[in-house]
């Protein structure tokens, strides 16, 4: 079975915590392929797929983060209605239980698409005013 190595770390649930992780990885010249955050009121668990997990792990540990490496499996899912259901049919038949999952989005030329939820309803206006390119659903799915 092909497995990927994923890096998990705890981050405080406060403004700037995620950007700190990204800055550390930027300074180490490590690219983030995918990320997922699961949060509680006080902290989050950040899961990362990196282009160089050893360098990224060392840089984050040097910056004071507590990290853990985990094996994960990437599964190709048909891009059609029911594609994911078909995968779950297989995992169910094998008696496998999903602990967590997150998607990796490709297909916008040389750009990835990351989806955020903000508690500030004016966040989109603020981001657009700052020159950030915001995408509609049509732009994401029809490129």
N, C-alpha and C. Protein backbone atom coordinates (compact mmCIF):
# COMPACT_ATOMS: atom_id res chain seq x y z
N UNK A 1 0.85 -1.17 0.00
CA UNK A 1 0.00 0.00 0.00
C UNK A 1 0.90 1.24 0.00
N UNK A 2 0.59 2.19 -0.88
CA UNK A 2 1.34 3.44 -0.92
C UNK A 2 0.85 4.35 0.20
N UNK A 3 1.77 4.85 0.99
CA UNK A 3 1.42 5.76 2.07
C UNK A 3 2.19 7.06 1.91
N UNK A 4 1.61 8.13 2.41
CA UNK A 4 2.25 9.44 2.46
C UNK A 4 2.58 9.76 3.90
N UNK A 5 3.61 10.54 4.10
CA UNK A 5 3.93 11.00 5.43
C UNK A 5 3.35 12.39 5.61
N UNK A 6 2.57 12.54 6.65
CA UNK A 6 1.89 13.78 6.97
C UNK A 6 2.47 14.33 8.26
N UNK A 7 2.56 15.63 8.36
CA UNK A 7 3.04 16.27 9.58
C UNK A 7 1.84 16.88 10.30
N UNK A 8 1.69 16.57 11.58
CA UNK A 8 0.62 17.13 12.41
C UNK A 8 1.25 17.95 13.53
N UNK A 9 0.62 19.06 13.86
CA UNK A 9 1.11 19.87 14.97
C UNK A 9 -0.03 20.62 15.62
N UNK A 10 0.16 20.93 16.89
CA UNK A 10 -0.81 21.73 17.62
C UNK A 10 -0.49 23.20 17.38
N UNK A 11 -1.53 23.98 17.15
CA UNK A 11 -1.38 25.42 17.03
C UNK A 11 -2.42 26.08 17.93
N UNK A 12 -2.03 27.17 18.55
CA UNK A 12 -2.97 27.89 19.39
C UNK A 12 -4.09 28.46 18.54
N UNK A 13 -5.28 28.52 19.11
CA UNK A 13 -6.41 29.12 18.41
C UNK A 13 -6.39 30.61 18.69
N UNK A 14 -5.53 31.32 17.91
CA UNK A 14 -5.38 32.77 18.07
C UNK A 14 -4.97 33.37 16.73
N UNK A 15 -5.26 34.65 16.53
CA UNK A 15 -4.85 35.30 15.30
C UNK A 15 -3.33 35.20 15.11
N UNK A 16 -2.91 34.85 13.91
CA UNK A 16 -1.49 34.78 13.58
C UNK A 16 -0.85 33.43 13.77
N UNK A 17 -1.52 32.49 14.41
CA UNK A 17 -0.90 31.19 14.67
C UNK A 17 -0.62 30.42 13.39
N UNK A 18 -1.57 30.41 12.47
CA UNK A 18 -1.36 29.69 11.21
C UNK A 18 -0.34 30.39 10.33
N UNK A 19 -0.37 31.72 10.33
CA UNK A 19 0.60 32.44 9.50
C UNK A 19 2.01 32.23 10.01
N UNK A 20 2.17 32.02 11.31
CA UNK A 20 3.49 31.74 11.87
C UNK A 20 4.04 30.42 11.31
N UNK A 21 3.20 29.40 11.24
CA UNK A 21 3.61 28.12 10.67
C UNK A 21 4.03 28.31 9.21
N UNK A 22 3.22 29.05 8.47
CA UNK A 22 3.52 29.28 7.05
C UNK A 22 4.81 30.06 6.87
N UNK A 23 5.07 31.04 7.73
CA UNK A 23 6.34 31.80 7.64
C UNK A 23 7.54 30.90 7.92
N UNK A 24 7.42 30.04 8.93
CA UNK A 24 8.53 29.13 9.25
C UNK A 24 8.82 28.23 8.05
N UNK A 25 7.79 27.70 7.43
CA UNK A 25 7.98 26.82 6.28
C UNK A 25 8.52 27.60 5.08
N UNK A 26 8.06 28.83 4.91
CA UNK A 26 8.57 29.67 3.82
C UNK A 26 10.06 29.91 3.99
N UNK A 27 10.46 30.26 5.21
CA UNK A 27 11.89 30.52 5.48
C UNK A 27 12.74 29.27 5.28
N UNK A 28 12.14 28.10 5.46
CA UNK A 28 12.85 26.84 5.24
C UNK A 28 12.74 26.37 3.79
N UNK A 29 12.04 27.16 2.96
CA UNK A 29 11.84 26.85 1.55
C UNK A 29 11.10 25.52 1.36
N UNK A 30 10.07 25.31 2.19
CA UNK A 30 9.25 24.10 2.14
C UNK A 30 7.86 24.47 1.63
N UNK A 31 7.40 23.76 0.62
CA UNK A 31 6.11 24.02 0.02
C UNK A 31 5.02 23.17 0.68
N UNK A 32 3.88 23.78 0.92
CA UNK A 32 2.72 23.08 1.47
C UNK A 32 1.87 22.59 0.30
N UNK A 33 1.70 21.26 0.20
CA UNK A 33 0.84 20.70 -0.84
C UNK A 33 -0.62 20.68 -0.41
N UNK A 34 -0.87 20.41 0.86
CA UNK A 34 -2.23 20.37 1.38
C UNK A 34 -2.20 20.62 2.86
N UNK A 35 -3.29 21.17 3.38
CA UNK A 35 -3.38 21.39 4.82
C UNK A 35 -4.83 21.27 5.26
N UNK A 36 -4.97 20.91 6.53
CA UNK A 36 -6.28 20.77 7.15
C UNK A 36 -6.15 21.21 8.60
N UNK A 37 -7.18 21.89 9.10
CA UNK A 37 -7.18 22.31 10.50
C UNK A 37 -8.46 21.81 11.16
N UNK A 38 -8.31 21.13 12.28
CA UNK A 38 -9.44 20.76 13.13
C UNK A 38 -9.23 21.52 14.42
N UNK A 39 -10.26 22.25 14.87
CA UNK A 39 -10.03 23.11 16.02
C UNK A 39 -10.95 22.82 17.19
N UNK A 40 -10.50 23.30 18.35
CA UNK A 40 -11.29 23.36 19.56
C UNK A 40 -11.27 24.83 19.98
N UNK A 41 -11.79 25.14 21.13
CA UNK A 41 -11.81 26.54 21.55
C UNK A 41 -10.42 27.08 21.87
N UNK A 42 -9.47 26.21 22.21
CA UNK A 42 -8.15 26.68 22.63
C UNK A 42 -7.02 26.38 21.66
N UNK A 43 -7.12 25.31 20.89
CA UNK A 43 -6.05 24.95 19.98
C UNK A 43 -6.61 24.24 18.76
N UNK A 44 -5.77 24.10 17.75
CA UNK A 44 -6.14 23.37 16.56
C UNK A 44 -5.09 22.33 16.25
N UNK A 45 -5.48 21.34 15.50
CA UNK A 45 -4.53 20.36 14.99
C UNK A 45 -4.38 20.66 13.50
N UNK A 46 -3.17 21.04 13.14
CA UNK A 46 -2.87 21.36 11.75
C UNK A 46 -2.21 20.14 11.12
N UNK A 47 -2.75 19.70 10.01
CA UNK A 47 -2.19 18.55 9.29
C UNK A 47 -1.67 19.05 7.96
N UNK A 48 -0.44 18.67 7.65
CA UNK A 48 0.24 19.18 6.46
C UNK A 48 0.83 18.07 5.61
N UNK A 49 0.69 18.20 4.30
CA UNK A 49 1.46 17.41 3.35
C UNK A 49 2.46 18.39 2.74
N UNK A 50 3.74 18.10 2.90
CA UNK A 50 4.80 19.02 2.49
C UNK A 50 5.67 18.40 1.41
N UNK A 51 6.33 19.24 0.62
CA UNK A 51 7.23 18.70 -0.39
C UNK A 51 8.52 18.18 0.21
N UNK A 52 8.86 18.62 1.41
CA UNK A 52 10.07 18.14 2.11
C UNK A 52 9.74 18.04 3.59
N UNK A 53 9.20 16.91 4.01
CA UNK A 53 8.71 16.77 5.38
C UNK A 53 9.84 16.82 6.40
N UNK A 54 11.02 16.30 6.08
CA UNK A 54 12.13 16.32 7.04
C UNK A 54 12.57 17.74 7.34
N UNK A 55 12.76 18.54 6.30
CA UNK A 55 13.17 19.94 6.50
C UNK A 55 12.07 20.72 7.21
N UNK A 56 10.81 20.51 6.78
CA UNK A 56 9.69 21.21 7.41
C UNK A 56 9.55 20.85 8.87
N UNK A 57 9.69 19.58 9.18
CA UNK A 57 9.58 19.12 10.57
C UNK A 57 10.69 19.73 11.43
N UNK A 58 11.91 19.72 10.92
CA UNK A 58 13.04 20.29 11.67
C UNK A 58 12.85 21.79 11.89
N UNK A 59 12.38 22.50 10.87
CA UNK A 59 12.19 23.94 11.00
C UNK A 59 11.10 24.27 12.02
N UNK A 60 10.01 23.53 11.98
CA UNK A 60 8.91 23.77 12.91
C UNK A 60 9.31 23.43 14.34
N UNK A 61 10.04 22.34 14.52
CA UNK A 61 10.52 21.99 15.86
C UNK A 61 11.47 23.06 16.38
N UNK A 62 12.35 23.57 15.52
CA UNK A 62 13.28 24.63 15.92
C UNK A 62 12.54 25.90 16.33
N UNK A 63 11.37 26.11 15.72
CA UNK A 63 10.56 27.29 16.04
C UNK A 63 9.68 27.06 17.28
N UNK A 64 9.78 25.87 17.89
CA UNK A 64 9.06 25.61 19.13
C UNK A 64 7.76 24.84 18.98
N UNK A 65 7.44 24.39 17.79
CA UNK A 65 6.21 23.63 17.59
C UNK A 65 6.44 22.16 17.95
N UNK A 66 5.40 21.55 18.50
CA UNK A 66 5.43 20.11 18.78
C UNK A 66 4.79 19.43 17.58
N UNK A 67 5.54 18.54 16.94
CA UNK A 67 5.07 17.91 15.71
C UNK A 67 5.02 16.40 15.85
N UNK A 68 4.28 15.81 14.92
CA UNK A 68 4.21 14.35 14.86
C UNK A 68 4.05 13.94 13.40
N UNK A 69 4.76 12.93 12.99
CA UNK A 69 4.63 12.40 11.64
C UNK A 69 3.64 11.23 11.67
N UNK A 70 2.74 11.21 10.68
CA UNK A 70 1.76 10.14 10.56
C UNK A 70 1.70 9.67 9.12
N UNK A 71 1.39 8.41 8.94
CA UNK A 71 1.18 7.90 7.60
C UNK A 71 -0.28 8.08 7.22
N UNK A 72 -0.50 8.53 5.99
CA UNK A 72 -1.85 8.67 5.43
C UNK A 72 -1.85 8.03 4.05
N UNK A 73 -3.04 7.81 3.52
CA UNK A 73 -3.17 7.20 2.19
C UNK A 73 -3.96 8.16 1.31
N UNK A 74 -3.45 8.43 0.12
CA UNK A 74 -4.16 9.26 -0.85
C UNK A 74 -4.88 8.33 -1.82
N UNK A 75 -6.18 8.58 -2.02
CA UNK A 75 -6.97 7.73 -2.90
C UNK A 75 -7.50 8.58 -4.05
N UNK A 76 -7.35 8.08 -5.25
CA UNK A 76 -7.92 8.75 -6.42
C UNK A 76 -9.42 8.50 -6.44
N UNK A 77 -10.18 9.58 -6.50
CA UNK A 77 -11.64 9.49 -6.48
C UNK A 77 -12.17 10.00 -7.82
N UNK A 78 -13.02 9.24 -8.50
CA UNK A 78 -13.59 9.71 -9.76
C UNK A 78 -14.31 11.04 -9.55
N UNK A 79 -14.12 11.98 -10.48
CA UNK A 79 -14.74 13.29 -10.41
C UNK A 79 -16.12 13.24 -11.06
N UNK A 80 -17.04 12.63 -10.33
CA UNK A 80 -18.42 12.49 -10.82
C UNK A 80 -19.34 12.29 -9.62
N UNK A 81 -20.61 12.48 -9.85
CA UNK A 81 -21.58 12.24 -8.78
C UNK A 81 -21.44 10.79 -8.31
N UNK A 82 -21.27 10.61 -7.02
CA UNK A 82 -21.13 9.27 -6.47
C UNK A 82 -19.71 8.74 -6.42
N UNK A 83 -18.75 9.52 -6.92
CA UNK A 83 -17.36 9.07 -6.91
C UNK A 83 -16.87 8.76 -5.51
N UNK A 84 -17.13 9.66 -4.58
CA UNK A 84 -16.70 9.44 -3.19
C UNK A 84 -17.52 8.34 -2.53
N UNK A 85 -18.79 8.26 -2.88
CA UNK A 85 -19.64 7.19 -2.33
C UNK A 85 -19.08 5.82 -2.71
N UNK A 86 -18.57 5.71 -3.93
CA UNK A 86 -17.97 4.45 -4.36
C UNK A 86 -16.76 4.08 -3.52
N UNK A 87 -15.94 5.07 -3.17
CA UNK A 87 -14.80 4.81 -2.29
C UNK A 87 -15.28 4.34 -0.93
N UNK A 88 -16.32 5.01 -0.39
CA UNK A 88 -16.84 4.61 0.91
C UNK A 88 -17.47 3.21 0.86
N UNK A 89 -18.06 2.83 -0.27
CA UNK A 89 -18.57 1.46 -0.41
C UNK A 89 -17.43 0.47 -0.17
N UNK A 90 -16.27 0.78 -0.74
CA UNK A 90 -15.12 -0.11 -0.60
C UNK A 90 -14.59 -0.11 0.83
N UNK A 91 -14.42 1.08 1.44
CA UNK A 91 -13.89 1.13 2.81
C UNK A 91 -14.86 0.47 3.79
N UNK A 92 -16.17 0.66 3.57
CA UNK A 92 -17.17 0.02 4.43
C UNK A 92 -17.09 -1.50 4.31
N UNK A 93 -16.97 -1.98 3.08
CA UNK A 93 -16.89 -3.43 2.85
C UNK A 93 -15.67 -4.03 3.54
N UNK A 94 -14.60 -3.23 3.64
CA UNK A 94 -13.38 -3.70 4.29
C UNK A 94 -13.39 -3.47 5.81
N UNK A 95 -14.44 -2.86 6.31
CA UNK A 95 -14.54 -2.60 7.75
C UNK A 95 -13.63 -1.48 8.21
N UNK A 96 -13.27 -0.57 7.33
CA UNK A 96 -12.38 0.54 7.69
C UNK A 96 -13.17 1.72 8.22
N UNK A 97 -12.69 2.35 9.27
CA UNK A 97 -13.32 3.52 9.85
C UNK A 97 -12.46 4.74 9.55
N UNK A 98 -13.07 5.80 9.08
CA UNK A 98 -12.35 7.01 8.75
C UNK A 98 -12.18 7.86 10.02
N UNK A 99 -10.94 8.19 10.38
CA UNK A 99 -10.69 9.06 11.52
C UNK A 99 -10.86 10.52 11.13
N UNK A 100 -10.31 10.92 9.99
CA UNK A 100 -10.50 12.26 9.43
C UNK A 100 -10.11 12.22 7.98
N UNK A 101 -10.52 13.23 7.25
CA UNK A 101 -10.16 13.32 5.84
C UNK A 101 -10.19 14.78 5.43
N UNK A 102 -9.48 15.12 4.39
CA UNK A 102 -9.54 16.46 3.80
C UNK A 102 -9.22 16.35 2.33
N UNK A 103 -9.64 17.32 1.59
CA UNK A 103 -9.50 17.27 0.14
C UNK A 103 -8.28 18.07 -0.31
N UNK A 104 -7.71 17.66 -1.43
CA UNK A 104 -6.68 18.41 -2.12
C UNK A 104 -7.30 18.83 -3.44
N UNK A 105 -7.31 20.10 -3.73
CA UNK A 105 -7.96 20.61 -4.92
C UNK A 105 -6.93 21.01 -5.96
N UNK A 106 -7.12 20.53 -7.17
CA UNK A 106 -6.25 20.88 -8.29
C UNK A 106 -7.11 21.40 -9.43
N UNK A 107 -6.46 21.91 -10.48
CA UNK A 107 -7.19 22.19 -11.69
C UNK A 107 -7.33 23.64 -12.10
N UNK A 108 -6.81 24.59 -11.37
CA UNK A 108 -6.88 25.99 -11.77
C UNK A 108 -5.52 26.43 -12.29
N UNK A 109 -5.15 25.87 -13.42
CA UNK A 109 -3.87 26.15 -14.05
C UNK A 109 -2.75 25.90 -13.05
N UNK A 110 -2.00 26.90 -12.70
CA UNK A 110 -0.89 26.70 -11.77
C UNK A 110 -1.22 27.16 -10.36
N UNK A 111 -2.49 27.28 -10.03
CA UNK A 111 -2.90 27.75 -8.71
C UNK A 111 -3.74 26.68 -8.00
N UNK A 112 -3.55 26.58 -6.72
CA UNK A 112 -4.42 25.74 -5.90
C UNK A 112 -5.59 26.58 -5.43
N UNK A 113 -6.65 25.93 -5.00
CA UNK A 113 -7.81 26.62 -4.46
C UNK A 113 -7.97 26.18 -3.00
N UNK A 114 -7.95 27.10 -2.10
CA UNK A 114 -8.13 26.84 -0.68
C UNK A 114 -9.42 27.53 -0.25
N UNK A 115 -10.26 26.84 0.49
CA UNK A 115 -11.53 27.39 0.93
C UNK A 115 -11.48 27.66 2.42
N UNK A 116 -11.85 28.83 2.82
CA UNK A 116 -11.85 29.24 4.22
C UNK A 116 -13.24 29.60 4.68
N UNK A 117 -13.50 29.49 5.96
CA UNK A 117 -14.68 30.06 6.60
C UNK A 117 -14.17 31.06 7.62
N UNK A 118 -14.74 32.25 7.57
CA UNK A 118 -14.33 33.31 8.48
C UNK A 118 -15.49 33.66 9.40
N UNK A 119 -15.20 34.04 10.66
CA UNK A 119 -16.27 34.45 11.56
C UNK A 119 -16.67 35.90 11.31
N UNK A 120 -15.83 36.64 10.62
CA UNK A 120 -16.10 38.02 10.28
C UNK A 120 -16.75 38.05 8.90
N UNK A 121 -18.02 38.43 8.84
CA UNK A 121 -18.74 38.42 7.57
C UNK A 121 -18.19 39.43 6.56
N UNK A 122 -17.44 40.41 7.04
CA UNK A 122 -16.85 41.41 6.14
C UNK A 122 -15.48 40.99 5.65
N UNK A 123 -15.05 39.78 5.98
CA UNK A 123 -13.71 39.31 5.61
C UNK A 123 -13.51 39.33 4.10
N UNK A 124 -14.50 38.92 3.33
CA UNK A 124 -14.36 38.88 1.87
C UNK A 124 -14.10 40.27 1.33
N UNK A 125 -14.84 41.26 1.81
CA UNK A 125 -14.63 42.64 1.37
C UNK A 125 -13.23 43.12 1.73
N UNK A 126 -12.80 42.78 2.93
CA UNK A 126 -11.46 43.20 3.38
C UNK A 126 -10.38 42.55 2.52
N UNK A 127 -10.54 41.27 2.23
CA UNK A 127 -9.56 40.56 1.41
C UNK A 127 -9.52 41.13 -0.01
N UNK A 128 -10.70 41.36 -0.58
CA UNK A 128 -10.76 41.92 -1.94
C UNK A 128 -10.12 43.30 -1.98
N UNK A 129 -10.39 44.11 -0.96
CA UNK A 129 -9.79 45.44 -0.89
C UNK A 129 -8.27 45.38 -0.79
N UNK A 130 -7.76 44.30 -0.22
CA UNK A 130 -6.32 44.13 -0.06
C UNK A 130 -5.67 43.51 -1.31
N UNK A 131 -6.46 43.29 -2.36
CA UNK A 131 -5.91 42.76 -3.60
C UNK A 131 -5.89 41.25 -3.71
N UNK A 132 -6.53 40.55 -2.77
CA UNK A 132 -6.59 39.09 -2.82
C UNK A 132 -7.63 38.69 -3.87
N UNK A 133 -7.28 37.73 -4.72
CA UNK A 133 -8.20 37.24 -5.74
C UNK A 133 -9.20 36.28 -5.11
N UNK A 134 -10.46 36.68 -5.09
CA UNK A 134 -11.52 35.83 -4.57
C UNK A 134 -12.21 35.16 -5.75
N UNK A 135 -12.59 33.92 -5.59
CA UNK A 135 -13.18 33.14 -6.67
C UNK A 135 -14.63 32.80 -6.38
N UNK A 136 -15.44 32.81 -7.43
CA UNK A 136 -16.82 32.32 -7.31
C UNK A 136 -16.79 30.81 -7.52
N UNK A 137 -17.90 30.15 -7.23
CA UNK A 137 -17.98 28.70 -7.45
C UNK A 137 -17.74 28.38 -8.93
N UNK A 138 -18.29 29.18 -9.84
CA UNK A 138 -18.07 28.92 -11.28
C UNK A 138 -16.58 28.99 -11.63
N UNK A 139 -15.87 29.95 -11.08
CA UNK A 139 -14.43 30.08 -11.38
C UNK A 139 -13.65 28.87 -10.85
N UNK A 140 -14.05 28.37 -9.71
CA UNK A 140 -13.35 27.21 -9.13
C UNK A 140 -13.61 25.95 -9.95
N UNK A 141 -14.88 25.67 -10.24
CA UNK A 141 -15.23 24.39 -10.85
C UNK A 141 -15.19 24.39 -12.38
N UNK A 142 -15.20 25.56 -12.98
CA UNK A 142 -15.16 25.60 -14.44
C UNK A 142 -13.92 26.30 -14.95
N UNK A 143 -13.08 26.79 -14.02
CA UNK A 143 -11.77 27.36 -14.28
C UNK A 143 -11.71 28.46 -15.24
